[in-house]
Amino acid sequence: MTTDSLAKLTQAVEAASSSEALLTAVEAVAAVKAPEAVTLLVAALGYNNPGVAVAAVDGLIAIGEPAVEPLLVLLDDVNYGARAWAIRALAGIGDPRGLSVLLTAAKDDFALSVRRAAARGLGTIVWEAMPPESRSSAQLDCLTVLLAAAKGDPEWVVRYAAVSGLQNLGRSLCLTQPHQRLDLKIQLQDLAAQEATPAVQARLWFALESL
């Protein structure tokens, strides 16, 4: 992307006078799939416009690895809506550099939308991009956080997302070892027996069947 092209796209975003015009402008930025557009797309996550945020997230995921560092640096600590969208982008990319942020968000963030996005994202990490010697401990960290969320988060949508993360994690690398898969299945069975929300309970049984 040339500097002139980026300037024109930026100008179109800044000049948008309606939600529809803003969405069109951000979709145009996302469509170029260029690393130079990352800062503009990250800014769009905070525009308080769900359609625009979805377009920006899709664009950031399409850009992939070059978007990770800017997302981590520009992660909004104040605007929880923007933070939730950024977490979704990191989850969609799956780069292990986002793992620490996802773990912290799934455990401690006050916003359920952020915890939910982080829990789902912990199941989408591309483990092959992490040094082999680090994978086992990192997966154990994910397992610990996801099990805690699936058992104890007060919001059922977060527990549901955590189960989804556990299902995906259960298919990955170290957890494909028979004894680890068996242990995970036992814990999922225990969670299903304790879960009071039908949707989450059904999701737990689906995860068990898939494993």
C-alpha atoms as a PDB file:
ATOM      1  CA  MET A   1       0.000   0.000   0.000  1.00  0.00           C
ATOM      2  CA  THR A   2       1.348   3.420  -0.924  1.00  0.00           C
ATOM      3  CA  THR A   3       1.385   6.348   1.470  1.00  0.00           C
ATOM      4  CA  ASP A   4      -1.026   8.161  -0.831  1.00  0.00           C
ATOM      5  CA  SER A   5      -3.470   5.236  -0.816  1.00  0.00           C
ATOM      6  CA  LEU A   6      -3.396   5.009   2.985  1.00  0.00           C
ATOM      7  CA  ALA A   7      -3.933   8.768   3.254  1.00  0.00           C
ATOM      8  CA  LYS A   8      -7.011   8.549   1.037  1.00  0.00           C
ATOM      9  CA  LEU A   9      -8.461   5.679   3.058  1.00  0.00           C
ATOM     10  CA  THR A  10      -7.767   7.522   6.308  1.00  0.00           C
ATOM     11  CA  GLN A  11      -9.400  10.640   4.946  1.00  0.00           C
ATOM     12  CA  ALA A  12     -12.495   8.660   3.963  1.00  0.00           C
ATOM     13  CA  VAL A  13     -12.778   7.265   7.503  1.00  0.00           C
ATOM     14  CA  GLU A  14     -12.317  10.680   9.094  1.00  0.00           C
ATOM     15  CA  ALA A  15     -14.788  12.327   6.702  1.00  0.00           C
ATOM     16  CA  ALA A  16     -17.564   9.760   7.221  1.00  0.00           C
ATOM     17  CA  SER A  17     -20.694  11.615   8.314  1.00  0.00           C
ATOM     18  CA  SER A  18     -22.935   8.625   9.052  1.00  0.00           C
ATOM     19  CA  SER A  19     -22.695   5.115  10.417  1.00  0.00           C
ATOM     20  CA  GLU A  20     -23.196   3.709   6.943  1.00  0.00           C
ATOM     21  CA  ALA A  21     -20.445   5.862   5.457  1.00  0.00           C
ATOM     22  CA  LEU A  22     -18.095   4.936   8.294  1.00  0.00           C
ATOM     23  CA  LEU A  23     -18.772   1.241   7.792  1.00  0.00           C
ATOM     24  CA  THR A  24     -18.102   1.531   4.056  1.00  0.00           C
ATOM     25  CA  ALA A  25     -14.854   3.407   4.706  1.00  0.00           C
ATOM     26  CA  VAL A  26     -13.591   0.893   7.294  1.00  0.00           C
ATOM     27  CA  GLU A  27     -14.551  -2.031   5.058  1.00  0.00           C
ATOM     28  CA  ALA A  28     -12.425  -0.457   2.318  1.00  0.00           C
ATOM     29  CA  VAL A  29      -9.495  -0.228   4.718  1.00  0.00           C
ATOM     30  CA  ALA A  30      -9.959  -3.841   5.817  1.00  0.00           C
ATOM     31  CA  ALA A  31     -10.176  -5.052   2.224  1.00  0.00           C
ATOM     32  CA  VAL A  32      -6.611  -4.026   1.397  1.00  0.00           C
ATOM     33  CA  LYS A  33      -5.211  -6.485   3.983  1.00  0.00           C
ATOM     34  CA  ALA A  34      -2.069  -4.385   4.357  1.00  0.00           C
ATOM     35  CA  PRO A  35       0.027  -4.062   7.551  1.00  0.00           C
ATOM     36  CA  GLU A  36       0.078  -0.308   7.026  1.00  0.00           C
ATOM     37  CA  ALA A  37      -3.663  -0.247   7.755  1.00  0.00           C
ATOM     38  CA  VAL A  38      -3.387  -1.918  11.168  1.00  0.00           C
ATOM     39  CA  THR A  39      -3.278   1.280  13.251  1.00  0.00           C
ATOM     40  CA  LEU A  40      -6.374   2.624  11.508  1.00  0.00           C
ATOM     41  CA  LEU A  41      -8.233  -0.661  11.992  1.00  0.00           C
ATOM     42  CA  VAL A  42      -7.291  -0.866  15.670  1.00  0.00           C
ATOM     43  CA  ALA A  43      -8.613   2.673  16.152  1.00  0.00           C
ATOM     44  CA  ALA A  44     -11.878   1.604  14.498  1.00  0.00           C
ATOM     45  CA  LEU A  45     -12.417  -0.958  17.258  1.00  0.00           C
ATOM     46  CA  GLY A  46     -13.213   1.935  19.601  1.00  0.00           C
ATOM     47  CA  TYR A  47     -15.770   3.745  17.446  1.00  0.00           C
ATOM     48  CA  ASN A  48     -18.727   2.313  19.398  1.00  0.00           C
ATOM     49  CA  ASN A  49     -20.171   0.852  16.210  1.00  0.00           C
ATOM     50  CA  PRO A  50     -20.536  -2.949  16.175  1.00  0.00           C
ATOM     51  CA  GLY A  51     -20.663  -3.217  12.389  1.00  0.00           C
ATOM     52  CA  VAL A  52     -17.505  -1.166  12.025  1.00  0.00           C
ATOM     53  CA  ALA A  53     -15.804  -3.199  14.748  1.00  0.00           C
ATOM     54  CA  VAL A  54     -16.657  -6.483  13.008  1.00  0.00           C
ATOM     55  CA  ALA A  55     -15.198  -5.157   9.749  1.00  0.00           C
ATOM     56  CA  ALA A  56     -12.056  -4.020  11.570  1.00  0.00           C
ATOM     57  CA  VAL A  57     -11.657  -7.368  13.339  1.00  0.00           C
ATOM     58  CA  ASP A  58     -12.053  -9.226  10.046  1.00  0.00           C
ATOM     59  CA  GLY A  59      -9.429  -6.965   8.489  1.00  0.00           C
ATOM     60  CA  LEU A  60      -6.980  -7.465  11.352  1.00  0.00           C
ATOM     61  CA  ILE A  61      -7.419 -11.242  11.248  1.00  0.00           C
ATOM     62  CA  ALA A  62      -6.826 -11.197   7.482  1.00  0.00           C
ATOM     63  CA  ILE A  63      -3.607  -9.211   7.994  1.00  0.00           C
ATOM     64  CA  GLY A  64      -2.574 -11.763  10.605  1.00  0.00           C
ATOM     65  CA  GLU A  65       0.837 -11.811  12.244  1.00  0.00           C
ATOM     66  CA  PRO A  66       1.793  -8.185  11.462  1.00  0.00           C
ATOM     67  CA  ALA A  67      -1.290  -7.035  13.397  1.00  0.00           C
ATOM     68  CA  VAL A  68      -0.348  -8.749  16.666  1.00  0.00           C
ATOM     69  CA  GLU A  69       2.223  -6.329  18.087  1.00  0.00           C
ATOM     70  CA  PRO A  70       0.146  -3.224  17.269  1.00  0.00           C
ATOM     71  CA  LEU A  71      -2.896  -4.858  18.848  1.00  0.00           C
ATOM     72  CA  LEU A  72      -0.942  -5.614  22.015  1.00  0.00           C
ATOM     73  CA  VAL A  73       0.581  -2.130  22.159  1.00  0.00           C
ATOM     74  CA  LEU A  74      -2.647  -0.290  21.399  1.00  0.00           C
ATOM     75  CA  LEU A  75      -4.911  -2.487  23.539  1.00  0.00           C
ATOM     76  CA  ASP A  76      -7.405  -0.129  25.192  1.00  0.00           C
ATOM     77  CA  ASP A  77      -7.397  -0.397  28.994  1.00  0.00           C
ATOM     78  CA  VAL A  78     -10.298   2.046  29.390  1.00  0.00           C
ATOM     79  CA  ASN A  79     -12.805   1.224  26.647  1.00  0.00           C
ATOM     80  CA  TYR A  80     -13.871  -2.331  27.450  1.00  0.00           C
ATOM     81  CA  GLY A  81     -15.841  -2.561  24.201  1.00  0.00           C
ATOM     82  CA  ALA A  82     -12.746  -1.819  22.136  1.00  0.00           C
ATOM     83  CA  ARG A  83     -10.783  -4.217  24.349  1.00  0.00           C
ATOM     84  CA  ALA A  84     -13.267  -7.008  23.683  1.00  0.00           C
ATOM     85  CA  TRP A  85     -12.992  -6.493  19.932  1.00  0.00           C
ATOM     86  CA  ALA A  86      -9.186  -6.436  20.153  1.00  0.00           C
ATOM     87  CA  ILE A  87      -9.278  -9.705  22.092  1.00  0.00           C
ATOM     88  CA  ARG A  88     -11.466 -11.167  19.331  1.00  0.00           C
ATOM     89  CA  ALA A  89      -8.906 -10.114  16.744  1.00  0.00           C
ATOM     90  CA  LEU A  90      -6.043 -11.642  18.728  1.00  0.00           C
ATOM     91  CA  ALA A  91      -8.079 -14.818  19.186  1.00  0.00           C
ATOM     92  CA  GLY A  92      -8.812 -15.004  15.472  1.00  0.00           C
ATOM     93  CA  ILE A  93      -5.154 -14.631  14.580  1.00  0.00           C
ATOM     94  CA  GLY A  94      -4.103 -17.204  17.180  1.00  0.00           C
ATOM     95  CA  ASP A  95      -0.541 -15.948  17.516  1.00  0.00           C
ATOM     96  CA  PRO A  96       1.078 -17.194  20.754  1.00  0.00           C
ATOM     97  CA  ARG A  97       2.322 -13.662  21.497  1.00  0.00           C
ATOM     98  CA  GLY A  98      -1.237 -12.842  22.502  1.00  0.00           C
ATOM     99  CA  LEU A  99      -1.438 -15.727  24.976  1.00  0.00           C
ATOM    100  CA  SER A 100      -0.549 -13.732  28.093  1.00  0.00           C
ATOM    101  CA  VAL A 101      -3.182 -11.107  27.312  1.00  0.00           C
ATOM    102  CA  LEU A 102      -5.825 -13.751  26.675  1.00  0.00           C
ATOM    103  CA  LEU A 103      -5.023 -15.588  29.911  1.00  0.00           C
ATOM    104  CA  THR A 104      -5.233 -12.419  31.986  1.00  0.00           C
ATOM    105  CA  ALA A 105      -8.425 -11.269  30.297  1.00  0.00           C
ATOM    106  CA  ALA A 106     -10.157 -14.631  30.737  1.00  0.00           C
ATOM    107  CA  LYS A 107      -9.301 -14.673  34.435  1.00  0.00           C
ATOM    108  CA  ASP A 108      -9.587 -11.098  35.586  1.00  0.00           C
ATOM    109  CA  ASP A 109     -11.371  -8.744  33.209  1.00  0.00           C
ATOM    110  CA  PHE A 110     -14.499  -7.187  34.683  1.00  0.00           C
ATOM    111  CA  ALA A 111     -16.321  -7.135  31.324  1.00  0.00           C
ATOM    112  CA  LEU A 112     -18.054 -10.378  30.409  1.00  0.00           C
ATOM    113  CA  SER A 113     -17.626  -9.654  26.691  1.00  0.00           C
ATOM    114  CA  VAL A 114     -13.871  -9.511  27.174  1.00  0.00           C
ATOM    115  CA  ARG A 115     -13.748 -12.688  29.286  1.00  0.00           C
ATOM    116  CA  ARG A 116     -15.896 -14.520  26.756  1.00  0.00           C
ATOM    117  CA  ALA A 117     -13.736 -13.493  23.791  1.00  0.00           C
ATOM    118  CA  ALA A 118     -10.568 -14.404  25.680  1.00  0.00           C
ATOM    119  CA  ALA A 119     -11.882 -17.817  26.728  1.00  0.00           C
ATOM    120  CA  ARG A 120     -12.757 -18.701  23.157  1.00  0.00           C
ATOM    121  CA  GLY A 121      -9.391 -17.391  22.016  1.00  0.00           C
ATOM    122  CA  LEU A 122      -7.458 -19.668  24.348  1.00  0.00           C
ATOM    123  CA  GLY A 123      -8.711 -22.561  22.273  1.00  0.00           C
ATOM    124  CA  THR A 124      -7.464 -21.090  18.985  1.00  0.00           C
ATOM    125  CA  ILE A 125      -3.769 -20.570  19.710  1.00  0.00           C
ATOM    126  CA  VAL A 126      -1.552 -21.790  16.872  1.00  0.00           C
ATOM    127  CA  TRP A 127       0.724 -23.948  18.992  1.00  0.00           C
ATOM    128  CA  GLU A 128       3.015 -24.772  16.099  1.00  0.00           C
ATOM    129  CA  ALA A 129       4.135 -21.124  16.158  1.00  0.00           C
ATOM    130  CA  MET A 130       5.409 -21.509  19.727  1.00  0.00           C
ATOM    131  CA  PRO A 131       8.812 -23.055  20.554  1.00  0.00           C
ATOM    132  CA  PRO A 132       8.271 -26.762  21.333  1.00  0.00           C
ATOM    133  CA  GLU A 133       9.905 -26.474  24.734  1.00  0.00           C
ATOM    134  CA  SER A 134       7.319 -23.865  25.800  1.00  0.00           C
ATOM    135  CA  ARG A 135       4.160 -25.553  24.576  1.00  0.00           C
ATOM    136  CA  SER A 136       3.485 -27.962  27.421  1.00  0.00           C
ATOM    137  CA  SER A 137       3.553 -25.359  30.192  1.00  0.00           C
ATOM    138  CA  ALA A 138       1.617 -22.863  28.088  1.00  0.00           C
ATOM    139  CA  GLN A 139      -1.106 -25.397  27.363  1.00  0.00           C
ATOM    140  CA  LEU A 140      -1.282 -26.250  31.045  1.00  0.00           C
ATOM    141  CA  ASP A 141      -1.800 -22.548  31.810  1.00  0.00           C
ATOM    142  CA  CYS A 142      -4.627 -22.443  29.269  1.00  0.00           C
ATOM    143  CA  LEU A 143      -6.190 -25.586  30.678  1.00  0.00           C
ATOM    144  CA  THR A 144      -6.084 -24.222  34.225  1.00  0.00           C
ATOM    145  CA  VAL A 145      -7.657 -20.885  33.285  1.00  0.00           C
ATOM    146  CA  LEU A 146     -10.337 -22.429  31.073  1.00  0.00           C
ATOM    147  CA  LEU A 147     -11.364 -25.008  33.654  1.00  0.00           C
ATOM    148  CA  ALA A 148     -11.643 -22.270  36.287  1.00  0.00           C
ATOM    149  CA  ALA A 149     -13.786 -20.166  33.957  1.00  0.00           C
ATOM    150  CA  ALA A 150     -15.975 -23.105  32.948  1.00  0.00           C
ATOM    151  CA  LYS A 151     -16.578 -23.928  36.594  1.00  0.00           C
ATOM    152  CA  GLY A 152     -16.722 -20.588  38.322  1.00  0.00           C
ATOM    153  CA  ASP A 153     -17.447 -17.655  36.033  1.00  0.00           C
ATOM    154  CA  PRO A 154     -20.746 -16.080  37.126  1.00  0.00           C
ATOM    155  CA  GLU A 155     -21.849 -15.442  33.514  1.00  0.00           C
ATOM    156  CA  TRP A 156     -23.116 -18.468  31.631  1.00  0.00           C
ATOM    157  CA  VAL A 157     -21.956 -17.085  28.266  1.00  0.00           C
ATOM    158  CA  VAL A 158     -18.389 -17.003  29.573  1.00  0.00           C
ATOM    159  CA  ARG A 159     -18.675 -20.575  30.871  1.00  0.00           C
ATOM    160  CA  TYR A 160     -20.024 -21.586  27.464  1.00  0.00           C
ATOM    161  CA  ALA A 161     -17.064 -19.930  25.726  1.00  0.00           C
ATOM    162  CA  ALA A 162     -14.646 -21.603  28.140  1.00  0.00           C
ATOM    163  CA  VAL A 163     -16.074 -25.017  27.249  1.00  0.00           C
ATOM    164  CA  SER A 164     -15.568 -24.202  23.568  1.00  0.00           C
ATOM    165  CA  GLY A 165     -11.982 -23.279  24.358  1.00  0.00           C
ATOM    166  CA  LEU A 166     -11.488 -26.522  26.270  1.00  0.00           C
ATOM    167  CA  GLN A 167     -12.848 -28.561  23.389  1.00  0.00           C
ATOM    168  CA  ASN A 168     -10.402 -26.989  20.946  1.00  0.00           C
ATOM    169  CA  LEU A 169      -7.536 -27.193  23.404  1.00  0.00           C
ATOM    170  CA  GLY A 170      -8.285 -30.852  23.973  1.00  0.00           C
ATOM    171  CA  ARG A 171      -7.519 -31.533  20.332  1.00  0.00           C
ATOM    172  CA  SER A 172      -4.146 -29.828  20.475  1.00  0.00           C
ATOM    173  CA  LEU A 173      -0.622 -31.112  20.821  1.00  0.00           C
ATOM    174  CA  CYS A 174       0.133 -32.143  24.405  1.00  0.00           C
ATOM    175  CA  LEU A 175      -3.495 -32.727  25.259  1.00  0.00           C
ATOM    176  CA  THR A 176      -3.725 -35.399  22.578  1.00  0.00           C
ATOM    177  CA  GLN A 177      -1.816 -37.718  24.926  1.00  0.00           C
ATOM    178  CA  PRO A 178      -4.251 -40.401  26.157  1.00  0.00           C
ATOM    179  CA  HIS A 179      -3.827 -39.769  29.895  1.00  0.00           C
ATOM    180  CA  GLN A 180      -4.329 -36.016  29.469  1.00  0.00           C
ATOM    181  CA  ARG A 181      -7.380 -36.463  27.277  1.00  0.00           C
ATOM    182  CA  LEU A 182      -8.857 -38.870  29.823  1.00  0.00           C
ATOM    183  CA  ASP A 183      -8.247 -36.421  32.663  1.00  0.00           C
ATOM    184  CA  LEU A 184      -9.868 -33.605  30.688  1.00  0.00           C
ATOM    185  CA  LYS A 185     -12.894 -35.770  29.876  1.00  0.00           C
ATOM    186  CA  ILE A 186     -13.341 -36.634  33.562  1.00  0.00           C
ATOM    187  CA  GLN A 187     -13.237 -32.953  34.474  1.00  0.00           C
ATOM    188  CA  LEU A 188     -15.739 -32.086  31.747  1.00  0.00           C
ATOM    189  CA  GLN A 189     -18.064 -34.817  33.033  1.00  0.00           C
ATOM    190  CA  ASP A 190     -17.820 -33.351  36.535  1.00  0.00           C
ATOM    191  CA  LEU A 191     -18.591 -29.899  35.185  1.00  0.00           C
ATOM    192  CA  ALA A 192     -21.601 -31.221  33.267  1.00  0.00           C
ATOM    193  CA  ALA A 193     -22.945 -32.804  36.448  1.00  0.00           C
ATOM    194  CA  GLN A 194     -22.615 -29.502  38.310  1.00  0.00           C
ATOM    195  CA  GLU A 195     -23.731 -27.067  35.592  1.00  0.00           C
ATOM    196  CA  ALA A 196     -27.213 -25.626  36.090  1.00  0.00           C
ATOM    197  CA  THR A 197     -27.613 -23.781  32.776  1.00  0.00           C
ATOM    198  CA  PRO A 198     -28.985 -26.107  30.066  1.00  0.00           C
ATOM    199  CA  ALA A 199     -27.100 -24.409  27.212  1.00  0.00           C
ATOM    200  CA  VAL A 200     -23.755 -24.764  28.960  1.00  0.00           C
ATOM    201  CA  GLN A 201     -24.509 -28.319  30.032  1.00  0.00           C
ATOM    202  CA  ALA A 202     -25.367 -29.231  26.435  1.00  0.00           C
ATOM    203  CA  ARG A 203     -22.133 -27.603  25.266  1.00  0.00           C
ATOM    204  CA  LEU A 204     -20.192 -29.670  27.786  1.00  0.00           C
ATOM    205  CA  TRP A 205     -21.700 -32.924  26.526  1.00  0.00           C
ATOM    206  CA  PHE A 206     -20.970 -31.883  22.940  1.00  0.00           C
ATOM    207  CA  ALA A 207     -17.332 -31.231  23.882  1.00  0.00           C
ATOM    208  CA  LEU A 208     -17.139 -34.623  25.557  1.00  0.00           C
ATOM    209  CA  GLU A 209     -18.495 -36.373  22.481  1.00  0.00           C
ATOM    210  CA  SER A 210     -15.978 -34.594  20.266  1.00  0.00           C
ATOM    211  CA  LEU A 211     -13.101 -35.755  22.430  1.00  0.00           C
END
